[in-house]
C-alpha atoms as a PDB file:
ATOM      1  CA  MET A   1       0.000   0.000   0.000  1.00  0.00           C
ATOM      2  CA  SER A   2       1.590   3.226  -0.219  1.00  0.00           C
ATOM      3  CA  SER A   3       0.606   5.819   1.827  1.00  0.00           C
ATOM      4  CA  ARG A   4      -0.545   2.932   1.579  1.00  0.00           C
ATOM      5  CA  HIS A   5      -6.079   6.860   2.124  1.00  0.00           C
ATOM      6  CA  ALA A   6      -9.337   9.909   0.510  1.00  0.00           C
ATOM      7  CA  HIS A   7     -11.576  12.271  -1.459  1.00  0.00           C
ATOM      8  CA  ALA A   8     -27.451  16.719   0.000  1.00  0.00           C
ATOM      9  CA  LEU A   9     -30.250  14.538  -0.801  1.00  0.00           C
ATOM     10  CA  THR A  10     -33.278  13.537   1.248  1.00  0.00           C
ATOM     11  CA  ALA A  11     -32.412  10.313   3.039  1.00  0.00           C
ATOM     12  CA  PRO A  12     -34.324   7.238   1.896  1.00  0.00           C
ATOM     13  CA  ALA A  13     -35.535   4.821   4.511  1.00  0.00           C
ATOM     14  CA  PRO A  14     -32.834   2.230   5.295  1.00  0.00           C
ATOM     15  CA  ALA A  15     -34.879  -0.516   3.669  1.00  0.00           C
ATOM     16  CA  GLU A  16     -35.001   1.481   0.427  1.00  0.00           C
ATOM     17  CA  VAL A  17     -31.222   1.879   0.098  1.00  0.00           C
ATOM     18  CA  PRO A  18     -30.072  -0.437  -2.734  1.00  0.00           C
ATOM     19  CA  GLU A  19     -27.491  -3.107  -2.036  1.00  0.00           C
ATOM     20  CA  ALA A  20     -24.959  -2.517  -4.785  1.00  0.00           C
ATOM     21  CA  SER A  21     -22.279  -5.140  -4.980  1.00  0.00           C
ATOM     22  CA  SER A  22     -19.956  -2.853  -6.933  1.00  0.00           C
ATOM     23  CA  PRO A  23     -20.059   0.951  -6.561  1.00  0.00           C
ATOM     24  CA  ALA A  24     -19.194   3.065  -9.580  1.00  0.00           C
ATOM     25  CA  PRO A  25     -15.448   3.179 -10.371  1.00  0.00           C
ATOM     26  CA  SER A  26     -13.568   6.316  -9.357  1.00  0.00           C
ATOM     27  CA  ARG A  27     -12.406   8.972 -11.814  1.00  0.00           C
ATOM     28  CA  VAL A  28      -8.903   9.479 -10.476  1.00  0.00           C
ATOM     29  CA  GLY A  29      -7.554  11.075 -13.647  1.00  0.00           C
ATOM     30  CA  ALA A  30     -10.095  13.887 -13.640  1.00  0.00           C
ATOM     31  CA  GLU A  31      -9.368  14.563  -9.959  1.00  0.00           C
ATOM     32  CA  VAL A  32      -5.599  14.649 -10.578  1.00  0.00           C
ATOM     33  CA  ARG A  33      -6.038  17.104 -13.439  1.00  0.00           C
ATOM     34  CA  ALA A  34      -8.406  19.355 -11.496  1.00  0.00           C
ATOM     35  CA  LEU A  35      -6.136  19.480  -8.455  1.00  0.00           C
ATOM     36  CA  ARG A  36      -3.010  20.059 -10.567  1.00  0.00           C
ATOM     37  CA  LYS A  37      -4.662  23.009 -12.286  1.00  0.00           C
ATOM     38  CA  ALA A  38      -5.876  24.365  -8.952  1.00  0.00           C
ATOM     39  CA  ARG A  39      -2.238  24.261  -7.803  1.00  0.00           C
ATOM     40  CA  ASN A  40      -1.185  26.073 -11.013  1.00  0.00           C
ATOM     41  CA  MET A  41       1.192  23.204 -11.822  1.00  0.00           C
ATOM     42  CA  THR A  42       2.188  22.117 -15.297  1.00  0.00           C
ATOM     43  CA  LEU A  43       2.495  18.431 -16.146  1.00  0.00           C
ATOM     44  CA  SER A  44       6.256  18.947 -16.266  1.00  0.00           C
ATOM     45  CA  ARG A  45       6.332  20.288 -12.708  1.00  0.00           C
ATOM     46  CA  LEU A  46       4.136  17.467 -11.462  1.00  0.00           C
ATOM     47  CA  ALA A  47       6.359  14.959 -13.241  1.00  0.00           C
ATOM     48  CA  ALA A  48       9.477  16.406 -11.603  1.00  0.00           C
ATOM     49  CA  ALA A  49       7.846  16.455  -8.159  1.00  0.00           C
ATOM     50  CA  SER A  50       6.393  12.946  -8.397  1.00  0.00           C
ATOM     51  CA  GLY A  51       9.217  11.194 -10.224  1.00  0.00           C
ATOM     52  CA  LEU A  52       6.793  10.051 -12.942  1.00  0.00           C
ATOM     53  CA  SER A  53       6.988  10.846 -16.640  1.00  0.00           C
ATOM     54  CA  VAL A  54       4.946  13.552 -18.352  1.00  0.00           C
ATOM     55  CA  GLY A  55       3.579  10.984 -20.792  1.00  0.00           C
ATOM     56  CA  TYR A  56       2.419   8.676 -18.024  1.00  0.00           C
ATOM     57  CA  LEU A  57       0.785  11.510 -16.063  1.00  0.00           C
ATOM     58  CA  SER A  58      -0.973  12.682 -19.214  1.00  0.00           C
ATOM     59  CA  MET A  59      -2.402   9.185 -19.707  1.00  0.00           C
ATOM     60  CA  VAL A  60      -3.558   9.106 -16.078  1.00  0.00           C
ATOM     61  CA  GLU A  61      -5.316  12.461 -16.428  1.00  0.00           C
ATOM     62  CA  ARG A  62      -7.033  11.334 -19.643  1.00  0.00           C
ATOM     63  CA  GLU A  63      -8.219   8.115 -17.934  1.00  0.00           C
ATOM     64  CA  LYS A  64      -6.050   6.056 -20.313  1.00  0.00           C
ATOM     65  CA  ALA A  65      -4.008   4.594 -17.446  1.00  0.00           C
ATOM     66  CA  MET A  66      -4.863   3.797 -13.837  1.00  0.00           C
ATOM     67  CA  PRO A  67      -1.930   4.382 -11.468  1.00  0.00           C
ATOM     68  CA  SER A  68      -0.643   1.824  -9.012  1.00  0.00           C
ATOM     69  CA  ILE A  69      -0.882   2.550  -5.297  1.00  0.00           C
ATOM     70  CA  LYS A  70       2.752   3.690  -5.207  1.00  0.00           C
ATOM     71  CA  ALA A  71       2.312   5.946  -8.256  1.00  0.00           C
ATOM     72  CA  LEU A  72      -0.863   7.511  -6.859  1.00  0.00           C
ATOM     73  CA  MET A  73       0.898   8.099  -3.560  1.00  0.00           C
ATOM     74  CA  SER A  74       3.702   9.924  -5.385  1.00  0.00           C
ATOM     75  CA  ILE A  75       1.155  12.040  -7.261  1.00  0.00           C
ATOM     76  CA  ALA A  76      -0.761  12.813  -4.063  1.00  0.00           C
ATOM     77  CA  GLN A  77       2.396  13.832  -2.189  1.00  0.00           C
ATOM     78  CA  ALA A  78       3.487  16.056  -5.080  1.00  0.00           C
ATOM     79  CA  LEU A  79       0.076  17.773  -5.000  1.00  0.00           C
ATOM     80  CA  GLY A  80       0.090  18.142  -1.219  1.00  0.00           C
ATOM     81  CA  VAL A  81      -2.770  15.753  -0.420  1.00  0.00           C
ATOM     82  CA  THR A  82      -3.224  12.133   0.668  1.00  0.00           C
ATOM     83  CA  ILE A  83      -4.611   9.336  -1.499  1.00  0.00           C
ATOM     84  CA  SER A  84      -7.916   9.825   0.317  1.00  0.00           C
ATOM     85  CA  TRP A  85      -8.425  12.980  -1.763  1.00  0.00           C
ATOM     86  CA  PHE A  86      -9.078  10.818  -4.823  1.00  0.00           C
ATOM     87  CA  PHE A  87     -11.859   8.700  -3.344  1.00  0.00           C
ATOM     88  CA  ASP A  88     -15.027   9.443  -5.305  1.00  0.00           C
ATOM     89  CA  ALA A  89     -17.607  11.205  -3.152  1.00  0.00           C
ATOM     90  CA  ASP A  90     -21.235  10.134  -3.569  1.00  0.00           C
ATOM     91  CA  ALA A  91     -24.301  11.979  -2.335  1.00  0.00           C
ATOM     92  CA  VAL A  92     -25.281  11.321   1.274  1.00  0.00           C
ATOM     93  CA  SER A  93     -28.215  12.574   3.275  1.00  0.00           C
ATOM     94  CA  PRO A  94     -27.705  15.432   5.747  1.00  0.00           C
ATOM     95  CA  GLN A  95     -28.813  13.134   8.568  1.00  0.00           C
ATOM     96  CA  GLU A  96     -26.193  10.486   7.763  1.00  0.00           C
ATOM     97  CA  ARG A  97     -23.272  12.641   6.609  1.00  0.00           C
ATOM     98  CA  GLY A  98     -20.261  12.039   8.842  1.00  0.00           C
ATOM     99  CA  LEU A  99     -21.958   9.144  10.613  1.00  0.00           C
ATOM    100  CA  VAL A 100     -22.937   6.331   8.230  1.00  0.00           C
ATOM    101  CA  VAL A 101     -21.568   4.860   4.999  1.00  0.00           C
ATOM    102  CA  ARG A 102     -24.120   2.836   3.045  1.00  0.00           C
ATOM    103  CA  ARG A 103     -22.722  -0.097   1.124  1.00  0.00           C
ATOM    104  CA  SER A 104     -24.123   1.264  -2.138  1.00  0.00           C
ATOM    105  CA  ARG A 105     -22.489   4.676  -1.564  1.00  0.00           C
ATOM    106  CA  ARG A 106     -18.929   3.819  -0.613  1.00  0.00           C
ATOM    107  CA  ARG A 107     -16.182   5.960  -2.082  1.00  0.00           C
ATOM    108  CA  ARG A 108     -13.788   3.868  -4.110  1.00  0.00           C
ATOM    109  CA  ILE A 109     -10.477   3.770  -5.959  1.00  0.00           C
ATOM    110  CA  ASP A 110      -9.644   1.137  -8.599  1.00  0.00           C
ATOM    111  CA  TYR A 111      -5.927   0.490  -9.096  1.00  0.00           C
ATOM    112  CA  SER A 112      -4.203  -0.868 -12.173  1.00  0.00           C
ATOM    113  CA  THR A 113      -2.844  -3.832 -10.197  1.00  0.00           C
ATOM    114  CA  GLY A 114      -6.219  -5.486  -9.555  1.00  0.00           C
ATOM    115  CA  ILE A 115      -6.890  -3.873  -6.168  1.00  0.00           C
ATOM    116  CA  VAL A 116     -10.033  -1.949  -5.253  1.00  0.00           C
ATOM    117  CA  ASP A 117     -10.093   0.195  -2.090  1.00  0.00           C
ATOM    118  CA  GLU A 118     -13.462   1.235  -0.673  1.00  0.00           C
ATOM    119  CA  LEU A 119     -13.573   3.892   2.025  1.00  0.00           C
ATOM    120  CA  LEU A 120     -15.538   2.706   5.062  1.00  0.00           C
ATOM    121  CA  SER A 121     -14.967   5.828   7.160  1.00  0.00           C
ATOM    122  CA  PRO A 122     -17.866   8.292   6.987  1.00  0.00           C
ATOM    123  CA  SER A 123     -15.456  11.222   7.203  1.00  0.00           C
ATOM    124  CA  LEU A 124     -11.841  11.946   6.243  1.00  0.00           C
ATOM    125  CA  LYS A 125     -11.489  14.616   8.928  1.00  0.00           C
ATOM    126  CA  GLY A 126     -10.857  12.341  11.902  1.00  0.00           C
ATOM    127  CA  SER A 127      -7.734  10.616  13.172  1.00  0.00           C
ATOM    128  CA  LEU A 128      -8.682   7.163  11.845  1.00  0.00           C
ATOM    129  CA  GLU A 129      -9.273   5.910   8.328  1.00  0.00           C
ATOM    130  CA  LEU A 130     -10.988   2.583   7.631  1.00  0.00           C
ATOM    131  CA  VAL A 131     -10.687   0.962   4.198  1.00  0.00           C
ATOM    132  CA  LEU A 132     -11.998  -2.258   2.670  1.00  0.00           C
ATOM    133  CA  CYS A 133      -9.349  -3.610   0.312  1.00  0.00           C
ATOM    134  CA  ARG A 134     -10.477  -6.155  -2.286  1.00  0.00           C
ATOM    135  CA  MET A 135      -7.773  -7.971  -4.224  1.00  0.00           C
ATOM    136  CA  ALA A 136      -8.238 -10.209  -7.251  1.00  0.00           C
ATOM    137  CA  PRO A 137      -6.140 -13.412  -7.371  1.00  0.00           C
ATOM    138  CA  GLY A 138      -2.533 -12.396  -7.998  1.00  0.00           C
ATOM    139  CA  ALA A 139      -3.223  -8.689  -7.400  1.00  0.00           C
ATOM    140  CA  SER A 140      -0.537  -6.757  -5.523  1.00  0.00           C
ATOM    141  CA  SER A 141       0.375  -3.312  -4.259  1.00  0.00           C
ATOM    142  CA  GLY A 142       3.352  -3.391  -6.645  1.00  0.00           C
ATOM    143  CA  GLU A 143       6.826  -4.863  -6.799  1.00  0.00           C
ATOM    144  CA  GLU A 144       8.391  -1.956  -4.939  1.00  0.00           C
ATOM    145  CA  PRO A 145       7.628  -1.451  -1.225  1.00  0.00           C
ATOM    146  CA  TYR A 146       6.459   1.953  -0.054  1.00  0.00           C
ATOM    147  CA  SER A 147       6.242   3.811   3.252  1.00  0.00           C
ATOM    148  CA  HIS A 148       4.430   6.773   4.798  1.00  0.00           C
ATOM    149  CA  THR A 149       3.948   8.457   8.141  1.00  0.00           C
ATOM    150  CA  SER A 150       1.234   6.549   9.980  1.00  0.00           C
ATOM    151  CA  GLU A 151       0.390   3.358  11.777  1.00  0.00           C
ATOM    152  CA  GLU A 152      -1.792   0.685  10.238  1.00  0.00           C
ATOM    153  CA  ALA A 153      -3.477  -2.541  11.159  1.00  0.00           C
ATOM    154  CA  GLY A 154      -5.934  -4.886   9.538  1.00  0.00           C
ATOM    155  CA  VAL A 155      -7.764  -8.182   9.489  1.00  0.00           C
ATOM    156  CA  VAL A 156      -8.155 -10.602   6.605  1.00  0.00           C
ATOM    157  CA  VAL A 157     -11.899 -11.216   6.328  1.00  0.00           C
ATOM    158  CA  ARG A 158     -11.719 -13.444   3.255  1.00  0.00           C
ATOM    159  CA  GLY A 159      -8.982 -15.195   1.301  1.00  0.00           C
ATOM    160  CA  ARG A 160      -5.225 -15.001   1.873  1.00  0.00           C
ATOM    161  CA  LEU A 161      -2.750 -12.125   2.093  1.00  0.00           C
ATOM    162  CA  GLU A 162       1.026 -12.196   1.840  1.00  0.00           C
ATOM    163  CA  LEU A 163       2.487  -9.149   3.558  1.00  0.00           C
ATOM    164  CA  TRP A 164       6.080  -7.902   3.407  1.00  0.00           C
ATOM    165  CA  VAL A 165       7.334  -5.478   6.061  1.00  0.00           C
ATOM    166  CA  ASP A 166      11.022  -4.514   6.055  1.00  0.00           C
ATOM    167  CA  GLY A 167      11.624  -7.388   3.648  1.00  0.00           C
ATOM    168  CA  GLN A 168      10.089  -9.973   5.985  1.00  0.00           C
ATOM    169  CA  SER A 169       7.229 -11.974   4.495  1.00  0.00           C
ATOM    170  CA  VAL A 170       4.240 -13.350   6.425  1.00  0.00           C
ATOM    171  CA  LEU A 171       1.306 -15.319   5.045  1.00  0.00           C
ATOM    172  CA  LEU A 172      -2.069 -14.422   6.551  1.00  0.00           C
ATOM    173  CA  GLU A 173      -5.208 -16.558   6.327  1.00  0.00           C
ATOM    174  CA  THR A 174      -8.865 -15.620   6.830  1.00  0.00           C
ATOM    175  CA  GLY A 175      -9.303 -14.304  10.374  1.00  0.00           C
ATOM    176  CA  ASP A 176      -5.632 -13.370  10.868  1.00  0.00           C
ATOM    177  CA  SER A 177      -4.786  -9.775  11.745  1.00  0.00           C
ATOM    178  CA  PHE A 178      -1.678  -7.577  11.646  1.00  0.00           C
ATOM    179  CA  GLY A 179      -0.292  -4.177  12.584  1.00  0.00           C
ATOM    180  CA  PHE A 180       2.901  -2.199  11.919  1.00  0.00           C
ATOM    181  CA  ASP A 181       4.466   1.255  11.685  1.00  0.00           C
ATOM    182  CA  SER A 182       3.806   2.526   8.149  1.00  0.00           C
ATOM    183  CA  ALA A 183       7.262   4.139   8.044  1.00  0.00           C
ATOM    184  CA  ARG A 184       8.602   0.610   7.559  1.00  0.00           C
ATOM    185  CA  PRO A 185       8.730  -0.242   3.829  1.00  0.00           C
ATOM    186  CA  HIS A 186       5.876  -2.607   3.010  1.00  0.00           C
ATOM    187  CA  ARG A 187       3.961  -4.245   0.188  1.00  0.00           C
ATOM    188  CA  TYR A 188       1.405  -7.028  -0.185  1.00  0.00           C
ATOM    189  CA  TRP A 189      -0.358  -9.336  -2.620  1.00  0.00           C
ATOM    190  CA  ASN A 190      -3.039 -12.006  -2.931  1.00  0.00           C
ATOM    191  CA  PRO A 191      -1.305 -15.377  -3.445  1.00  0.00           C
ATOM    192  CA  GLY A 192      -4.519 -17.390  -3.435  1.00  0.00           C
ATOM    193  CA  PRO A 193      -6.934 -18.538  -6.160  1.00  0.00           C
ATOM    194  CA  ASP A 194      -9.841 -16.497  -4.771  1.00  0.00           C
ATOM    195  CA  GLU A 195     -10.499 -12.823  -4.088  1.00  0.00           C
ATOM    196  CA  THR A 196      -9.057 -11.500  -0.838  1.00  0.00           C
ATOM    197  CA  GLU A 197     -10.772  -8.928   1.364  1.00  0.00           C
ATOM    198  CA  VAL A 198      -8.933  -7.006   4.079  1.00  0.00           C
ATOM    199  CA  VAL A 199     -10.345  -4.371   6.415  1.00  0.00           C
ATOM    200  CA  TRP A 200      -7.497  -1.892   6.846  1.00  0.00           C
ATOM    201  CA  ALA A 201      -7.190   0.817   9.518  1.00  0.00           C
ATOM    202  CA  ILE A 202      -4.746   3.726   9.128  1.00  0.00           C
ATOM    203  CA  THR A 203      -4.034   6.376  11.760  1.00  0.00           C
ATOM    204  CA  PRO A 204      -3.615   9.190  11.197  1.00  0.00           C
ATOM    205  CA  PRO A 205      -5.169   9.007   7.705  1.00  0.00           C
ATOM    206  CA  SER A 206      -2.004   9.654   5.683  1.00  0.00           C
ATOM    207  CA  TYR A 207      -3.090   7.058   3.112  1.00  0.00           C
END
């Protein structure tokens, strides 16, 4: 994971809220472009600050490429935000804003590596961020480990997770949990034949 974190209608009765199995994919590229322009940054400046190429960033902004977790973290840091900024925000009722996240209205980021992060926290303003990470078989956070300023912990609710921290590998099964200082270089992947789900907690929300 990289920093290994974002982004009024009348409330329907709880029974009327649809159970969507897959919320709409996020539009990370459009958010990157809008924030870059708000910062008065050229693609060249963003490329220099993030360590990514102008061509690659252009493809990301045009929704032709979806960045990895590490790449999105580099972009976020260069723009002065956390990854949480890029979570799509859906409409919530005034009564539930900051308190409840309906399954059908989760904010979400889809990564190029087969990982989908869904924000479970009702607000990004607190000191704790809760994320549901879904990983397709073979999906990973990337070959290169990453680090950030935070502490994180999680529990594998379905499937298997192989986690590397400081080069040490551990294999986690359904029901196993973990925790570590995010400043330690880390990465992870799904080594199993089925989808893996991990509930991840990050504090403070630097992801």
